[in-house]
Each structure stands twice: as structure tokens, then as C-alpha cells.
N, C-alpha and C. Protein backbone atom coordinates (compact mmCIF):
# COMPACT_ATOMS: atom_id res chain seq x y z
N MET A 1 0.34 11.91 -15.95
CA MET A 1 0.56 10.52 -15.62
C MET A 1 -0.22 10.22 -14.34
N LYS A 2 -1.14 9.28 -14.44
CA LYS A 2 -1.94 8.90 -13.29
C LYS A 2 -1.27 7.77 -12.53
N LEU A 3 -1.18 7.94 -11.22
CA LEU A 3 -0.67 6.88 -10.36
C LEU A 3 -1.86 6.20 -9.70
N ARG A 4 -1.74 4.91 -9.50
CA ARG A 4 -2.78 4.13 -8.85
C ARG A 4 -2.16 2.88 -8.27
N PHE A 5 -2.96 2.11 -7.56
CA PHE A 5 -2.54 0.78 -7.14
C PHE A 5 -3.66 -0.18 -7.49
N ASP A 6 -3.39 -1.07 -8.44
CA ASP A 6 -4.38 -2.04 -8.89
C ASP A 6 -4.06 -3.40 -8.27
N LYS A 7 -4.95 -3.89 -7.41
CA LYS A 7 -4.72 -5.14 -6.69
C LYS A 7 -4.61 -6.33 -7.64
N LYS A 8 -5.43 -6.34 -8.68
CA LYS A 8 -5.42 -7.47 -9.62
C LYS A 8 -4.04 -7.64 -10.27
N TYR A 9 -3.51 -6.55 -10.78
CA TYR A 9 -2.20 -6.62 -11.42
C TYR A 9 -1.09 -6.86 -10.40
N ALA A 10 -1.25 -6.35 -9.19
CA ALA A 10 -0.25 -6.58 -8.15
C ALA A 10 -0.19 -8.06 -7.79
N LEU A 11 -1.34 -8.70 -7.66
CA LEU A 11 -1.35 -10.14 -7.37
C LEU A 11 -0.79 -10.96 -8.52
N LEU A 12 -1.14 -10.57 -9.75
CA LEU A 12 -0.56 -11.26 -10.91
C LEU A 12 0.95 -11.08 -10.94
N PHE A 13 1.42 -9.88 -10.65
CA PHE A 13 2.86 -9.62 -10.62
C PHE A 13 3.55 -10.49 -9.58
N LEU A 14 3.01 -10.51 -8.37
CA LEU A 14 3.63 -11.31 -7.31
C LEU A 14 3.61 -12.80 -7.65
N GLY A 15 2.52 -13.28 -8.20
CA GLY A 15 2.44 -14.69 -8.60
C GLY A 15 3.46 -15.03 -9.67
N LEU A 16 3.56 -14.18 -10.68
CA LEU A 16 4.54 -14.41 -11.75
C LEU A 16 5.97 -14.29 -11.25
N LEU A 17 6.20 -13.36 -10.33
CA LEU A 17 7.54 -13.22 -9.75
C LEU A 17 7.94 -14.48 -9.00
N ILE A 18 7.02 -15.05 -8.24
CA ILE A 18 7.31 -16.30 -7.52
C ILE A 18 7.59 -17.42 -8.50
N VAL A 19 6.80 -17.52 -9.57
CA VAL A 19 7.03 -18.55 -10.58
C VAL A 19 8.40 -18.37 -11.23
N GLU A 20 8.75 -17.12 -11.56
CA GLU A 20 10.06 -16.86 -12.18
C GLU A 20 11.20 -17.23 -11.23
N ILE A 21 11.06 -16.91 -9.96
CA ILE A 21 12.11 -17.26 -8.99
C ILE A 21 12.23 -18.77 -8.87
N LEU A 22 11.10 -19.47 -8.83
CA LEU A 22 11.13 -20.94 -8.75
C LEU A 22 11.77 -21.55 -10.00
N ILE A 23 11.47 -20.98 -11.16
CA ILE A 23 12.10 -21.47 -12.40
C ILE A 23 13.61 -21.25 -12.33
N ALA A 24 14.02 -20.06 -11.89
CA ALA A 24 15.45 -19.75 -11.82
C ALA A 24 16.19 -20.65 -10.84
N LEU A 25 15.54 -20.99 -9.73
CA LEU A 25 16.22 -21.77 -8.70
C LEU A 25 16.18 -23.27 -8.94
N PHE A 26 15.09 -23.79 -9.47
CA PHE A 26 14.92 -25.23 -9.45
C PHE A 26 14.80 -25.91 -10.82
N VAL A 27 14.61 -25.17 -11.88
CA VAL A 27 14.41 -25.80 -13.19
C VAL A 27 15.71 -25.78 -13.97
N GLU A 28 16.11 -26.94 -14.44
CA GLU A 28 17.35 -27.06 -15.22
C GLU A 28 17.08 -27.18 -16.72
N ASN A 29 15.83 -27.43 -17.11
CA ASN A 29 15.47 -27.60 -18.51
C ASN A 29 15.64 -26.27 -19.25
N LYS A 30 16.47 -26.27 -20.31
CA LYS A 30 16.77 -25.03 -21.02
C LYS A 30 15.56 -24.47 -21.75
N ILE A 31 14.66 -25.32 -22.19
CA ILE A 31 13.47 -24.84 -22.90
C ILE A 31 12.57 -24.06 -21.93
N ILE A 32 12.36 -24.62 -20.76
CA ILE A 32 11.51 -23.94 -19.78
C ILE A 32 12.19 -22.68 -19.27
N ARG A 33 13.46 -22.77 -18.93
CA ARG A 33 14.18 -21.60 -18.40
C ARG A 33 14.27 -20.49 -19.43
N GLY A 34 14.56 -20.85 -20.66
CA GLY A 34 14.76 -19.84 -21.70
C GLY A 34 13.46 -19.32 -22.28
N SER A 35 12.74 -20.19 -22.92
CA SER A 35 11.56 -19.74 -23.67
C SER A 35 10.40 -19.37 -22.76
N ILE A 36 9.96 -20.28 -21.93
CA ILE A 36 8.80 -20.01 -21.08
C ILE A 36 9.13 -18.92 -20.06
N GLY A 37 10.34 -18.94 -19.54
CA GLY A 37 10.74 -17.89 -18.61
C GLY A 37 10.71 -16.52 -19.25
N ASP A 38 11.13 -16.40 -20.51
CA ASP A 38 11.13 -15.11 -21.19
C ASP A 38 9.72 -14.65 -21.54
N VAL A 39 8.85 -15.58 -21.88
CA VAL A 39 7.45 -15.23 -22.11
C VAL A 39 6.86 -14.65 -20.83
N LEU A 40 7.16 -15.30 -19.71
CA LEU A 40 6.64 -14.83 -18.43
C LEU A 40 7.25 -13.49 -18.01
N VAL A 41 8.49 -13.24 -18.41
CA VAL A 41 9.14 -11.96 -18.07
C VAL A 41 8.39 -10.80 -18.73
N ALA A 42 8.00 -10.97 -19.98
CA ALA A 42 7.26 -9.90 -20.66
C ALA A 42 5.93 -9.64 -19.94
N ILE A 43 5.25 -10.70 -19.52
CA ILE A 43 3.99 -10.55 -18.81
C ILE A 43 4.24 -9.93 -17.43
N LEU A 44 5.32 -10.33 -16.79
CA LEU A 44 5.68 -9.80 -15.47
C LEU A 44 5.91 -8.29 -15.53
N ILE A 45 6.65 -7.83 -16.51
CA ILE A 45 6.92 -6.40 -16.66
C ILE A 45 5.62 -5.64 -16.92
N TYR A 46 4.78 -6.19 -17.77
CA TYR A 46 3.50 -5.55 -18.06
C TYR A 46 2.65 -5.42 -16.79
N CYS A 47 2.55 -6.50 -16.02
CA CYS A 47 1.76 -6.47 -14.78
C CYS A 47 2.32 -5.47 -13.78
N PHE A 48 3.64 -5.37 -13.70
CA PHE A 48 4.25 -4.39 -12.80
C PHE A 48 3.86 -2.97 -13.19
N ILE A 49 3.93 -2.66 -14.46
CA ILE A 49 3.58 -1.32 -14.92
C ILE A 49 2.11 -1.03 -14.67
N GLN A 50 1.24 -2.00 -14.99
CA GLN A 50 -0.19 -1.79 -14.80
C GLN A 50 -0.59 -1.73 -13.33
N THR A 51 0.26 -2.23 -12.44
CA THR A 51 -0.03 -2.14 -11.00
C THR A 51 -0.01 -0.70 -10.53
N PHE A 52 0.90 0.09 -11.04
CA PHE A 52 1.10 1.45 -10.53
C PHE A 52 0.69 2.58 -11.47
N PHE A 53 0.56 2.32 -12.74
CA PHE A 53 0.28 3.39 -13.71
C PHE A 53 -0.98 3.07 -14.51
N ALA A 54 -1.79 4.09 -14.73
CA ALA A 54 -3.00 3.95 -15.52
C ALA A 54 -2.70 4.37 -16.96
N TRP A 55 -1.82 3.65 -17.58
CA TRP A 55 -1.44 3.94 -18.96
C TRP A 55 -2.29 3.14 -19.92
N ASP A 56 -2.32 3.58 -21.17
CA ASP A 56 -3.04 2.87 -22.21
C ASP A 56 -2.45 1.46 -22.36
N LYS A 57 -3.32 0.46 -22.33
CA LYS A 57 -2.85 -0.93 -22.30
C LYS A 57 -2.14 -1.33 -23.59
N LYS A 58 -2.65 -0.90 -24.72
CA LYS A 58 -2.01 -1.27 -25.99
C LYS A 58 -0.62 -0.64 -26.11
N LYS A 59 -0.51 0.61 -25.72
CA LYS A 59 0.80 1.27 -25.77
C LYS A 59 1.77 0.65 -24.77
N THR A 60 1.26 0.23 -23.63
CA THR A 60 2.11 -0.40 -22.62
C THR A 60 2.64 -1.74 -23.14
N ILE A 61 1.79 -2.51 -23.80
CA ILE A 61 2.23 -3.79 -24.35
C ILE A 61 3.34 -3.57 -25.38
N ILE A 62 3.15 -2.60 -26.24
CA ILE A 62 4.18 -2.31 -27.25
C ILE A 62 5.46 -1.83 -26.59
N GLY A 63 5.33 -0.97 -25.58
CA GLY A 63 6.50 -0.47 -24.86
C GLY A 63 7.27 -1.57 -24.15
N VAL A 64 6.55 -2.51 -23.55
CA VAL A 64 7.20 -3.65 -22.90
C VAL A 64 7.95 -4.49 -23.92
N GLY A 65 7.34 -4.71 -25.07
CA GLY A 65 8.02 -5.48 -26.12
C GLY A 65 9.28 -4.80 -26.61
N ILE A 66 9.21 -3.50 -26.82
CA ILE A 66 10.39 -2.75 -27.27
C ILE A 66 11.48 -2.78 -26.20
N PHE A 67 11.09 -2.58 -24.94
CA PHE A 67 12.04 -2.62 -23.83
C PHE A 67 12.75 -3.97 -23.76
N ALA A 68 11.99 -5.05 -23.84
CA ALA A 68 12.57 -6.39 -23.75
C ALA A 68 13.51 -6.66 -24.92
N ILE A 69 13.14 -6.23 -26.09
CA ILE A 69 13.99 -6.43 -27.27
C ILE A 69 15.27 -5.60 -27.15
N LEU A 70 15.17 -4.38 -26.63
CA LEU A 70 16.36 -3.56 -26.44
C LEU A 70 17.32 -4.17 -25.42
N ILE A 71 16.77 -4.77 -24.37
CA ILE A 71 17.63 -5.46 -23.39
C ILE A 71 18.34 -6.62 -24.07
N GLU A 72 17.62 -7.35 -24.91
CA GLU A 72 18.24 -8.48 -25.60
C GLU A 72 19.32 -8.00 -26.57
N ILE A 73 19.08 -6.90 -27.25
CA ILE A 73 20.08 -6.35 -28.16
C ILE A 73 21.31 -5.87 -27.38
N SER A 74 21.08 -5.34 -26.17
CA SER A 74 22.21 -4.91 -25.35
C SER A 74 23.10 -6.10 -24.98
N GLN A 75 22.51 -7.29 -24.91
CA GLN A 75 23.32 -8.48 -24.63
C GLN A 75 24.24 -8.80 -25.80
N ALA A 76 23.77 -8.53 -27.02
CA ALA A 76 24.61 -8.76 -28.19
C ALA A 76 25.79 -7.79 -28.22
N MET A 77 25.62 -6.63 -27.60
CA MET A 77 26.68 -5.63 -27.56
C MET A 77 27.53 -5.74 -26.30
N ASN A 78 27.35 -6.80 -25.53
CA ASN A 78 28.13 -7.05 -24.30
C ASN A 78 28.06 -5.88 -23.33
N LEU A 79 26.86 -5.41 -23.06
CA LEU A 79 26.66 -4.27 -22.17
C LEU A 79 27.16 -4.54 -20.76
N VAL A 80 27.00 -5.79 -20.29
CA VAL A 80 27.44 -6.13 -18.93
C VAL A 80 28.94 -5.91 -18.79
N GLU A 81 29.71 -6.33 -19.78
CA GLU A 81 31.16 -6.14 -19.73
C GLU A 81 31.54 -4.68 -19.88
N LYS A 82 30.83 -3.95 -20.75
CA LYS A 82 31.14 -2.54 -20.96
C LYS A 82 30.86 -1.71 -19.72
N LEU A 83 29.86 -2.12 -18.94
CA LEU A 83 29.55 -1.42 -17.69
C LEU A 83 30.34 -1.97 -16.51
N ASN A 84 31.19 -2.97 -16.79
CA ASN A 84 32.03 -3.61 -15.78
C ASN A 84 31.20 -4.23 -14.65
N LEU A 85 30.11 -4.90 -15.04
CA LEU A 85 29.23 -5.55 -14.08
C LEU A 85 29.28 -7.07 -14.15
N GLN A 86 30.26 -7.62 -14.83
CA GLN A 86 30.32 -9.08 -14.99
C GLN A 86 30.51 -9.81 -13.66
N ASP A 87 31.07 -9.15 -12.66
CA ASP A 87 31.24 -9.78 -11.35
C ASP A 87 30.01 -9.63 -10.46
N ASN A 88 29.10 -8.76 -10.82
CA ASN A 88 27.87 -8.56 -10.07
C ASN A 88 26.84 -9.57 -10.56
N LYS A 89 26.57 -10.58 -9.74
CA LYS A 89 25.69 -11.68 -10.12
C LYS A 89 24.27 -11.20 -10.43
N PHE A 90 23.74 -10.28 -9.61
CA PHE A 90 22.38 -9.79 -9.81
C PHE A 90 22.26 -9.01 -11.12
N ALA A 91 23.17 -8.08 -11.36
CA ALA A 91 23.11 -7.25 -12.57
C ALA A 91 23.31 -8.09 -13.82
N SER A 92 24.24 -9.03 -13.78
CA SER A 92 24.47 -9.85 -14.97
C SER A 92 23.29 -10.80 -15.22
N THR A 93 22.57 -11.18 -14.18
CA THR A 93 21.39 -12.02 -14.38
C THR A 93 20.22 -11.21 -14.93
N VAL A 94 20.01 -10.01 -14.41
CA VAL A 94 18.90 -9.19 -14.86
C VAL A 94 19.12 -8.70 -16.29
N ILE A 95 20.29 -8.18 -16.57
CA ILE A 95 20.58 -7.68 -17.91
C ILE A 95 20.81 -8.83 -18.87
N GLY A 96 21.46 -9.87 -18.41
CA GLY A 96 21.75 -11.01 -19.26
C GLY A 96 23.11 -10.88 -19.90
N THR A 97 23.65 -12.02 -20.29
CA THR A 97 24.99 -11.99 -20.87
C THR A 97 25.07 -12.60 -22.25
N THR A 98 24.06 -13.34 -22.68
CA THR A 98 24.13 -13.98 -23.99
C THR A 98 22.92 -13.61 -24.84
N PHE A 99 23.19 -13.25 -26.08
CA PHE A 99 22.14 -12.91 -27.03
C PHE A 99 21.60 -14.18 -27.66
N ASP A 100 20.28 -14.26 -27.78
CA ASP A 100 19.64 -15.39 -28.45
C ASP A 100 18.38 -14.88 -29.15
N MET A 101 18.29 -15.13 -30.44
CA MET A 101 17.13 -14.69 -31.20
C MET A 101 15.84 -15.33 -30.68
N ASN A 102 15.93 -16.52 -30.12
CA ASN A 102 14.75 -17.17 -29.57
C ASN A 102 14.18 -16.39 -28.39
N ASP A 103 15.02 -15.68 -27.67
CA ASP A 103 14.53 -14.85 -26.57
C ASP A 103 13.66 -13.72 -27.09
N ILE A 104 14.05 -13.13 -28.22
CA ILE A 104 13.24 -12.07 -28.81
C ILE A 104 11.87 -12.61 -29.20
N TRP A 105 11.85 -13.80 -29.81
CA TRP A 105 10.55 -14.42 -30.16
C TRP A 105 9.73 -14.72 -28.92
N ALA A 106 10.38 -15.10 -27.83
CA ALA A 106 9.66 -15.37 -26.59
C ALA A 106 9.06 -14.09 -26.02
N TYR A 107 9.78 -12.98 -26.10
CA TYR A 107 9.24 -11.71 -25.63
C TYR A 107 8.04 -11.28 -26.48
N ILE A 108 8.15 -11.47 -27.79
CA ILE A 108 7.03 -11.15 -28.67
C ILE A 108 5.83 -12.02 -28.35
N ALA A 109 6.08 -13.31 -28.09
CA ALA A 109 4.99 -14.21 -27.72
C ALA A 109 4.35 -13.79 -26.40
N GLY A 110 5.15 -13.34 -25.45
CA GLY A 110 4.62 -12.86 -24.18
C GLY A 110 3.74 -11.63 -24.36
N CYS A 111 4.18 -10.72 -25.19
CA CYS A 111 3.38 -9.52 -25.46
C CYS A 111 2.10 -9.88 -26.21
N ALA A 112 2.19 -10.82 -27.14
CA ALA A 112 0.99 -11.26 -27.86
C ALA A 112 0.00 -11.94 -26.92
N LEU A 113 0.52 -12.71 -25.99
CA LEU A 113 -0.34 -13.37 -25.00
C LEU A 113 -1.03 -12.34 -24.11
N VAL A 114 -0.31 -11.32 -23.68
CA VAL A 114 -0.91 -10.26 -22.89
C VAL A 114 -2.00 -9.56 -23.69
N TYR A 115 -1.71 -9.28 -24.96
CA TYR A 115 -2.69 -8.61 -25.81
C TYR A 115 -3.97 -9.44 -25.94
N MET A 116 -3.80 -10.73 -26.17
CA MET A 116 -4.97 -11.61 -26.30
C MET A 116 -5.76 -11.67 -25.00
N LEU A 117 -5.07 -11.74 -23.87
CA LEU A 117 -5.77 -11.82 -22.59
C LEU A 117 -6.45 -10.51 -22.22
N GLU A 118 -5.86 -9.39 -22.57
CA GLU A 118 -6.45 -8.10 -22.24
C GLU A 118 -7.63 -7.74 -23.14
N PHE A 119 -7.59 -8.15 -24.38
CA PHE A 119 -8.59 -7.70 -25.35
C PHE A 119 -9.37 -8.85 -25.98
N TYR A 120 -9.47 -9.99 -25.30
CA TYR A 120 -10.14 -11.14 -25.90
C TYR A 120 -11.63 -10.91 -26.11
N ASP A 121 -12.28 -10.08 -25.32
CA ASP A 121 -13.71 -9.84 -25.49
C ASP A 121 -14.00 -8.44 -26.03
N ASP A 122 -13.02 -7.84 -26.65
CA ASP A 122 -13.17 -6.51 -27.21
C ASP A 122 -13.94 -6.61 -28.52
N ASN A 123 -15.15 -6.13 -28.53
CA ASN A 123 -15.99 -6.21 -29.74
C ASN A 123 -16.00 -4.89 -30.50
N SER A 124 -14.93 -4.19 -30.48
CA SER A 124 -14.88 -2.89 -31.14
C SER A 124 -14.24 -2.98 -32.52
N ARG A 125 -14.54 -4.04 -33.24
CA ARG A 125 -14.02 -4.15 -34.61
C ARG A 125 -14.66 -3.08 -35.48
N PRO A 126 -13.93 -2.60 -36.46
CA PRO A 126 -14.54 -1.62 -37.36
C PRO A 126 -15.64 -2.27 -38.19
N LYS A 127 -16.67 -1.50 -38.47
CA LYS A 127 -17.78 -2.03 -39.26
C LYS A 127 -17.34 -2.16 -40.70
N LYS A 128 -17.84 -3.22 -41.33
CA LYS A 128 -17.49 -3.46 -42.73
C LYS A 128 -18.20 -2.44 -43.61
N LYS A 129 -17.45 -1.90 -44.53
CA LYS A 129 -18.02 -0.95 -45.48
C LYS A 129 -18.34 -1.69 -46.76
N LYS A 130 -19.41 -1.32 -47.35
CA LYS A 130 -19.79 -1.96 -48.61
C LYS A 130 -18.91 -1.41 -49.72
N PHE A 131 -18.51 -2.32 -50.58
CA PHE A 131 -17.67 -1.95 -51.71
C PHE A 131 -18.53 -1.36 -52.81
N LEU A 132 -18.31 -0.12 -53.16
CA LEU A 132 -19.05 0.61 -54.18
C LEU A 132 -20.55 0.64 -53.89
N GLY A 133 -20.92 0.63 -52.60
CA GLY A 133 -22.32 0.75 -52.23
C GLY A 133 -23.12 -0.53 -52.33
N PHE A 134 -22.50 -1.66 -52.63
CA PHE A 134 -23.25 -2.93 -52.74
C PHE A 134 -23.31 -3.66 -51.45
């Protein structure tokens, strides 16, 4: 496992973190708080990982998506109550308390957006093979 510090991802992480905090503090619109906030959370987690670790980008995107979906599933199982953290405001906010299928779609959209931004100029498509030599 290679450790590094990537300034580009660190700045993206800090910028997204500030946007997420501003959304949490000042935005009351449920669409922006829920959907757009969750899309940004997936990107935020990806940027944090890429800031410190030189991992394969495609595998990291998939890992972030799986992690976010598992957190959402833990909300359906009332993990906050089972861990007796319902009185801890920070833990209940980070883990979440309500399951919503739209959050899963938002996480998938965030991972898809990261994939498109990371590989938009990737010209490594497989070459077309001729069918039966024609």
C-alpha cells in the first residue's frame, strides 16, 4: 500500500467538505440536502482516499460505492439505535438514521460522476474485431 499526499485531491476534498457543511447548516430544501448532498458525499469520500493512497482509481470508485450503500443499509437495520448512539448528534448524523432508496441512487450517481470525470479522456477502448474475418 503506497502512501502519498496529492494536493489536487486534498483541495477537492476540502472544497467539497466546505460545500457539504454549508448545505448541512444553511439549506432547508430536501432535494438539495438529500440527493445532491449524497452525490457529493460519494465524491468527497473518493477524494479523501485519493489524497492519501495511491490505489487503483476504478477499484476505489467501486469500493466507495459499496461502502456508501452498506452505510445506507445499516440505516435500514437501525444501527444507530443498536450501538446506542442515538443521543450522539455527530454519530447519528454521520451514520444516518433513516433509510431511503433515493440515497442509494444518489451514491451510485456520485460514483458514476467520479468515473466520468476521472476517465473522460481515456482512449483505451478495446479494438473492434472483425466478425469471421470480414
